[in-house]
PDB file of N, CA and C in Angstrom:
ATOM      1  N   MET A   1       0.846  -1.164   0.000  1.00  0.00           N
ATOM      2  CA  MET A   1       0.000   0.000   0.000  1.00  0.00           C
ATOM      3  C   MET A   1       0.896   1.231   0.000  1.00  0.00           C
ATOM      4  N   ILE A   2       0.611   2.176  -0.853  1.00  0.00           N
ATOM      5  CA  ILE A   2       1.444   3.371  -1.023  1.00  0.00           C
ATOM      6  C   ILE A   2       0.650   4.610  -0.627  1.00  0.00           C
ATOM      7  N   VAL A   3       1.320   5.526   0.047  1.00  0.00           N
ATOM      8  CA  VAL A   3       0.707   6.793   0.441  1.00  0.00           C
ATOM      9  C   VAL A   3       1.619   7.926  -0.010  1.00  0.00           C
ATOM     10  N   PRO A   4       1.088   8.989  -0.625  1.00  0.00           N
ATOM     11  CA  PRO A   4       1.956  10.073  -1.088  1.00  0.00           C
ATOM     12  C   PRO A   4       2.500  10.904   0.062  1.00  0.00           C
ATOM     13  N   ASP A   5       3.727  11.328  -0.061  1.00  0.00           N
ATOM     14  CA  ASP A   5       4.351  12.234   0.900  1.00  0.00           C
ATOM     15  C   ASP A   5       4.269  13.632   0.295  1.00  0.00           C
ATOM     16  N   ASN A   6       3.398  14.478   0.822  1.00  0.00           N
ATOM     17  CA  ASN A   6       3.122  15.781   0.223  1.00  0.00           C
ATOM     18  C   ASN A   6       4.322  16.728   0.237  1.00  0.00           C
ATOM     19  N   GLU A   7       5.230  16.584   1.187  1.00  0.00           N
ATOM     20  CA  GLU A   7       6.348  17.518   1.282  1.00  0.00           C
ATOM     21  C   GLU A   7       7.375  17.309   0.176  1.00  0.00           C
ATOM     22  N   THR A   8       7.653  16.062  -0.192  1.00  0.00           N
ATOM     23  CA  THR A   8       8.715  15.796  -1.159  1.00  0.00           C
ATOM     24  C   THR A   8       8.203  15.158  -2.440  1.00  0.00           C
ATOM     25  N   ASN A   9       6.878  14.928  -2.539  1.00  0.00           N
ATOM     26  CA  ASN A   9       6.264  14.274  -3.689  1.00  0.00           C
ATOM     27  C   ASN A   9       6.814  12.871  -3.941  1.00  0.00           C
ATOM     28  N   LYS A  10       7.384  12.238  -2.920  1.00  0.00           N
ATOM     29  CA  LYS A  10       7.836  10.857  -3.012  1.00  0.00           C
ATOM     30  C   LYS A  10       6.731   9.968  -2.465  1.00  0.00           C
ATOM     31  N   THR A  11       6.808   8.689  -2.767  1.00  0.00           N
ATOM     32  CA  THR A  11       5.865   7.750  -2.179  1.00  0.00           C
ATOM     33  C   THR A  11       6.616   6.881  -1.189  1.00  0.00           C
ATOM     34  N   GLU A  12       5.935   6.517  -0.123  1.00  0.00           N
ATOM     35  CA  GLU A  12       6.543   5.727   0.941  1.00  0.00           C
ATOM     36  C   GLU A  12       5.585   4.614   1.318  1.00  0.00           C
ATOM     37  N   SER A  13       6.088   3.420   1.448  1.00  0.00           N
ATOM     38  CA  SER A  13       5.260   2.275   1.800  1.00  0.00           C
ATOM     39  C   SER A  13       4.892   2.341   3.281  1.00  0.00           C
ATOM     40  N   ILE A  14       3.589   2.247   3.572  1.00  0.00           N
ATOM     41  CA  ILE A  14       3.154   2.251   4.968  1.00  0.00           C
ATOM     42  C   ILE A  14       2.935   0.836   5.476  1.00  0.00           C
ATOM     43  N   LEU A  15       2.976  -0.158   4.543  1.00  0.00           N
ATOM     44  CA  LEU A  15       2.770  -1.555   4.902  1.00  0.00           C
ATOM     45  C   LEU A  15       3.503  -2.409   3.873  1.00  0.00           C
ATOM     46  N   SER A  16       4.406  -3.273   4.340  1.00  0.00           N
ATOM     47  CA  SER A  16       5.155  -4.110   3.402  1.00  0.00           C
ATOM     48  C   SER A  16       4.221  -5.103   2.716  1.00  0.00           C
ATOM     49  N   ASN A  17       4.650  -5.630   1.584  1.00  0.00           N
ATOM     50  CA  ASN A  17       3.841  -6.619   0.874  1.00  0.00           C
ATOM     51  C   ASN A  17       3.584  -7.853   1.737  1.00  0.00           C
ATOM     52  N   GLU A  18       4.588  -8.260   2.506  1.00  0.00           N
ATOM     53  CA  GLU A  18       4.440  -9.413   3.403  1.00  0.00           C
ATOM     54  C   GLU A  18       3.374  -9.133   4.457  1.00  0.00           C
ATOM     55  N   ASP A  19       3.411  -7.947   5.044  1.00  0.00           N
ATOM     56  CA  ASP A  19       2.424  -7.586   6.064  1.00  0.00           C
ATOM     57  C   ASP A  19       1.039  -7.398   5.456  1.00  0.00           C
ATOM     58  N   LEU A  20       0.971  -6.904   4.223  1.00  0.00           N
ATOM     59  CA  LEU A  20      -0.307  -6.780   3.538  1.00  0.00           C
ATOM     60  C   LEU A  20      -0.924  -8.157   3.314  1.00  0.00           C
ATOM     61  N   GLN A  21      -0.113  -9.121   2.908  1.00  0.00           N
ATOM     62  CA  GLN A  21      -0.598 -10.491   2.725  1.00  0.00           C
ATOM     63  C   GLN A  21      -1.081 -11.075   4.053  1.00  0.00           C
ATOM     64  N   ARG A  22      -0.357 -10.786   5.131  1.00  0.00           N
ATOM     65  CA  ARG A  22      -0.751 -11.244   6.472  1.00  0.00           C
ATOM     66  C   ARG A  22      -2.100 -10.647   6.865  1.00  0.00           C
ATOM     67  N   LEU A  23      -2.283  -9.348   6.585  1.00  0.00           N
ATOM     68  CA  LEU A  23      -3.544  -8.667   6.887  1.00  0.00           C
ATOM     69  C   LEU A  23      -4.695  -9.281   6.088  1.00  0.00           C
ATOM     70  N   LEU A  24      -4.481  -9.503   4.803  1.00  0.00           N
ATOM     71  CA  LEU A  24      -5.520 -10.103   3.970  1.00  0.00           C
ATOM     72  C   LEU A  24      -5.882 -11.507   4.440  1.00  0.00           C
ATOM     73  N   ARG A  25      -4.885 -12.280   4.883  1.00  0.00           N
ATOM     74  CA  ARG A  25      -5.145 -13.624   5.410  1.00  0.00           C
ATOM     75  C   ARG A  25      -5.993 -13.544   6.683  1.00  0.00           C
ATOM     76  N   LEU A  26      -5.660 -12.625   7.586  1.00  0.00           N
ATOM     77  CA  LEU A  26      -6.446 -12.455   8.814  1.00  0.00           C
ATOM     78  C   LEU A  26      -7.889 -12.096   8.488  1.00  0.00           C
ATOM     79  N   LEU A  27      -8.070 -11.184   7.528  1.00  0.00           N
ATOM     80  CA  LEU A  27      -9.423 -10.764   7.150  1.00  0.00           C
ATOM     81  C   LEU A  27     -10.227 -11.922   6.563  1.00  0.00           C
ATOM     82  N   SER A  28      -9.581 -12.777   5.791  1.00  0.00           N
ATOM     83  CA  SER A  28     -10.298 -13.888   5.166  1.00  0.00           C
ATOM     84  C   SER A  28     -10.645 -14.991   6.164  1.00  0.00           C
ATOM     85  N   GLU A  29      -9.914 -15.069   7.280  1.00  0.00           N
ATOM     86  CA  GLU A  29     -10.135 -16.120   8.273  1.00  0.00           C
ATOM     87  C   GLU A  29     -11.235 -15.786   9.275  1.00  0.00           C
ATOM     88  N   ILE A  30     -11.538 -14.517   9.466  1.00  0.00           N
ATOM     89  CA  ILE A  30     -12.482 -14.107  10.513  1.00  0.00           C
ATOM     90  C   ILE A  30     -13.922 -14.253  10.030  1.00  0.00           C
ATOM     91  N   VAL A  31     -14.749 -14.908  10.872  1.00  0.00           N
ATOM     92  CA  VAL A  31     -16.176 -14.990  10.592  1.00  0.00           C
ATOM     93  C   VAL A  31     -16.899 -13.889  11.370  1.00  0.00           C
ATOM     94  N   TYR A  32     -16.598 -13.761  12.669  1.00  0.00           N
ATOM     95  CA  TYR A  32     -17.125 -12.692  13.520  1.00  0.00           C
ATOM     96  C   TYR A  32     -15.944 -12.094  14.271  1.00  0.00           C
ATOM     97  N   GLY A  33     -15.771 -10.788  14.216  1.00  0.00           N
ATOM     98  CA  GLY A  33     -14.689 -10.162  14.952  1.00  0.00           C
ATOM     99  C   GLY A  33     -14.214  -8.897  14.282  1.00  0.00           C
ATOM    100  N   SER A  34     -12.961  -8.524  14.577  1.00  0.00           N
ATOM    101  CA  SER A  34     -12.412  -7.290  14.025  1.00  0.00           C
ATOM    102  C   SER A  34     -10.904  -7.401  13.860  1.00  0.00           C
ATOM    103  N   VAL A  35     -10.376  -6.571  12.962  1.00  0.00           N
ATOM    104  CA  VAL A  35      -8.941  -6.421  12.783  1.00  0.00           C
ATOM    105  C   VAL A  35      -8.651  -4.937  12.946  1.00  0.00           C
ATOM    106  N   THR A  36      -7.692  -4.611  13.800  1.00  0.00           N
ATOM    107  CA  THR A  36      -7.337  -3.225  14.079  1.00  0.00           C
ATOM    108  C   THR A  36      -5.905  -2.965  13.649  1.00  0.00           C
ATOM    109  N   LEU A  37      -5.690  -1.873  12.928  1.00  0.00           N
ATOM    110  CA  LEU A  37      -4.340  -1.460  12.556  1.00  0.00           C
ATOM    111  C   LEU A  37      -3.889  -0.367  13.505  1.00  0.00           C
ATOM    112  N   ILE A  38      -2.693  -0.517  14.080  1.00  0.00           N
ATOM    113  CA  ILE A  38      -2.096   0.500  14.936  1.00  0.00           C
ATOM    114  C   ILE A  38      -1.054   1.221  14.091  1.00  0.00           C
ATOM    115  N   ILE A  39      -1.198   2.541  13.980  1.00  0.00           N
ATOM    116  CA  ILE A  39      -0.344   3.339  13.108  1.00  0.00           C
ATOM    117  C   ILE A  39       0.418   4.368  13.928  1.00  0.00           C
ATOM    118  N   GLN A  40       1.726   4.468  13.670  1.00  0.00           N
ATOM    119  CA  GLN A  40       2.567   5.489  14.303  1.00  0.00           C
ATOM    120  C   GLN A  40       3.411   6.136  13.216  1.00  0.00           C
ATOM    121  N   ASN A  41       3.455   7.439  13.209  1.00  0.00           N
ATOM    122  CA  ASN A  41       4.227   8.199  12.221  1.00  0.00           C
ATOM    123  C   ASN A  41       3.877   7.790  10.794  1.00  0.00           C
ATOM    124  N   GLY A  42       2.610   7.517  10.542  1.00  0.00           N
ATOM    125  CA  GLY A  42       2.163   7.192   9.200  1.00  0.00           C
ATOM    126  C   GLY A  42       2.473   5.793   8.728  1.00  0.00           C
ATOM    127  N   LYS A  43       2.951   4.912   9.617  1.00  0.00           N
ATOM    128  CA  LYS A  43       3.266   3.534   9.245  1.00  0.00           C
ATOM    129  C   LYS A  43       2.538   2.566  10.168  1.00  0.00           C
ATOM    130  N   VAL A  44       2.098   1.448   9.607  1.00  0.00           N
ATOM    131  CA  VAL A  44       1.457   0.410  10.407  1.00  0.00           C
ATOM    132  C   VAL A  44       2.532  -0.282  11.233  1.00  0.00           C
ATOM    133  N   VAL A  45       2.352  -0.281  12.549  1.00  0.00           N
ATOM    134  CA  VAL A  45       3.343  -0.901  13.434  1.00  0.00           C
ATOM    135  C   VAL A  45       2.790  -2.127  14.146  1.00  0.00           C
ATOM    136  N   GLN A  46       1.471  -2.323  14.091  1.00  0.00           N
ATOM    137  CA  GLN A  46       0.874  -3.454  14.797  1.00  0.00           C
ATOM    138  C   GLN A  46      -0.470  -3.790  14.161  1.00  0.00           C
ATOM    139  N   ILE A  47      -0.770  -5.083  14.098  1.00  0.00           N
ATOM    140  CA  ILE A  47      -2.064  -5.555  13.632  1.00  0.00           C
ATOM    141  C   ILE A  47      -2.662  -6.405  14.739  1.00  0.00           C
ATOM    142  N   GLU A  48      -3.890  -6.057  15.174  1.00  0.00           N
ATOM    143  CA  GLU A  48      -4.567  -6.798  16.230  1.00  0.00           C
ATOM    144  C   GLU A  48      -5.791  -7.503  15.653  1.00  0.00           C
ATOM    145  N   LYS A  49      -5.986  -8.753  16.047  1.00  0.00           N
ATOM    146  CA  LYS A  49      -7.136  -9.534  15.593  1.00  0.00           C
ATOM    147  C   LYS A  49      -7.949  -9.944  16.817  1.00  0.00           C
ATOM    148  N   ASN A  50      -9.233  -9.611  16.808  1.00  0.00           N
ATOM    149  CA  ASN A  50     -10.164 -10.024  17.862  1.00  0.00           C
ATOM    150  C   ASN A  50     -11.247 -10.855  17.200  1.00  0.00           C
ATOM    151  N   GLU A  51     -11.349 -12.108  17.597  1.00  0.00           N
ATOM    152  CA  GLU A  51     -12.328 -12.994  16.969  1.00  0.00           C
ATOM    153  C   GLU A  51     -13.350 -13.447  17.986  1.00  0.00           C
ATOM    154  N   LYS A  52     -14.619 -13.392  17.584  1.00  0.00           N
ATOM    155  CA  LYS A  52     -15.712 -13.831  18.427  1.00  0.00           C
ATOM    156  C   LYS A  52     -16.079 -15.271  18.052  1.00  0.00           C
ATOM    157  N   VAL A  53     -16.410 -16.058  19.050  1.00  0.00           N
ATOM    158  CA  VAL A  53     -16.858 -17.422  18.809  1.00  0.00           C
ATOM    159  C   VAL A  53     -18.312 -17.486  19.225  1.00  0.00           C
ATOM    160  N   ARG A  54     -19.190 -17.764  18.265  1.00  0.00           N
ATOM    161  CA  ARG A  54     -20.623 -17.825  18.531  1.00  0.00           C
ATOM    162  C   ARG A  54     -20.987 -19.230  18.997  1.00  0.00           C
ATOM    163  N   LEU A  55     -21.637 -19.312  20.146  1.00  0.00           N
ATOM    164  CA  LEU A  55     -22.099 -20.592  20.696  1.00  0.00           C
ATOM    165  C   LEU A  55     -23.585 -20.746  20.376  1.00  0.00           C
ATOM    166  N   LYS A  56     -23.990 -21.942  20.050  1.00  0.00           N
ATOM    167  CA  LYS A  56     -25.406 -22.179  19.720  1.00  0.00           C
ATOM    168  C   LYS A  56     -26.154 -22.719  20.900  1.00  0.00           C
TER     169      LYS A  56
END
Protein backbone atom coordinates (compact mmCIF):
# COMPACT_ATOMS: atom_id res chain seq x y z
CA MET A 1 0.00 0.00 0.00
CA ILE A 2 1.44 3.37 -1.02
CA VAL A 3 0.71 6.79 0.44
CA PRO A 4 1.96 10.07 -1.09
CA ASP A 5 4.35 12.23 0.90
CA ASN A 6 3.12 15.78 0.22
CA GLU A 7 6.35 17.52 1.28
CA THR A 8 8.72 15.80 -1.16
CA ASN A 9 6.26 14.27 -3.69
CA LYS A 10 7.84 10.86 -3.01
CA THR A 11 5.86 7.75 -2.18
CA GLU A 12 6.54 5.73 0.94
CA SER A 13 5.26 2.28 1.80
CA ILE A 14 3.15 2.25 4.97
CA LEU A 15 2.77 -1.55 4.90
CA SER A 16 5.16 -4.11 3.40
CA ASN A 17 3.84 -6.62 0.87
CA GLU A 18 4.44 -9.41 3.40
CA ASP A 19 2.42 -7.59 6.06
CA LEU A 20 -0.31 -6.78 3.54
CA GLN A 21 -0.60 -10.49 2.72
CA ARG A 22 -0.75 -11.24 6.47
CA LEU A 23 -3.54 -8.67 6.89
CA LEU A 24 -5.52 -10.10 3.97
CA ARG A 25 -5.15 -13.62 5.41
CA LEU A 26 -6.45 -12.45 8.81
CA LEU A 27 -9.42 -10.76 7.15
CA SER A 28 -10.30 -13.89 5.17
CA GLU A 29 -10.13 -16.12 8.27
CA ILE A 30 -12.48 -14.11 10.51
CA VAL A 31 -16.18 -14.99 10.59
CA TYR A 32 -17.13 -12.69 13.52
CA GLY A 33 -14.69 -10.16 14.95
CA SER A 34 -12.41 -7.29 14.02
CA VAL A 35 -8.94 -6.42 12.78
CA THR A 36 -7.34 -3.23 14.08
CA LEU A 37 -4.34 -1.46 12.56
CA ILE A 38 -2.10 0.50 14.94
CA ILE A 39 -0.34 3.34 13.11
CA GLN A 40 2.57 5.49 14.30
CA ASN A 41 4.23 8.20 12.22
CA GLY A 42 2.16 7.19 9.20
CA LYS A 43 3.27 3.53 9.25
CA VAL A 44 1.46 0.41 10.41
CA VAL A 45 3.34 -0.90 13.43
CA GLN A 46 0.87 -3.45 14.80
CA ILE A 47 -2.06 -5.55 13.63
CA GLU A 48 -4.57 -6.80 16.23
CA LYS A 49 -7.14 -9.53 15.59
CA ASN A 50 -10.16 -10.02 17.86
CA GLU A 51 -12.33 -12.99 16.97
CA LYS A 52 -15.71 -13.83 18.43
CA VAL A 53 -16.86 -17.42 18.81
CA ARG A 54 -20.62 -17.83 18.53
CA LEU A 55 -22.10 -20.59 20.70
CA LYS A 56 -25.41 -22.18 19.72
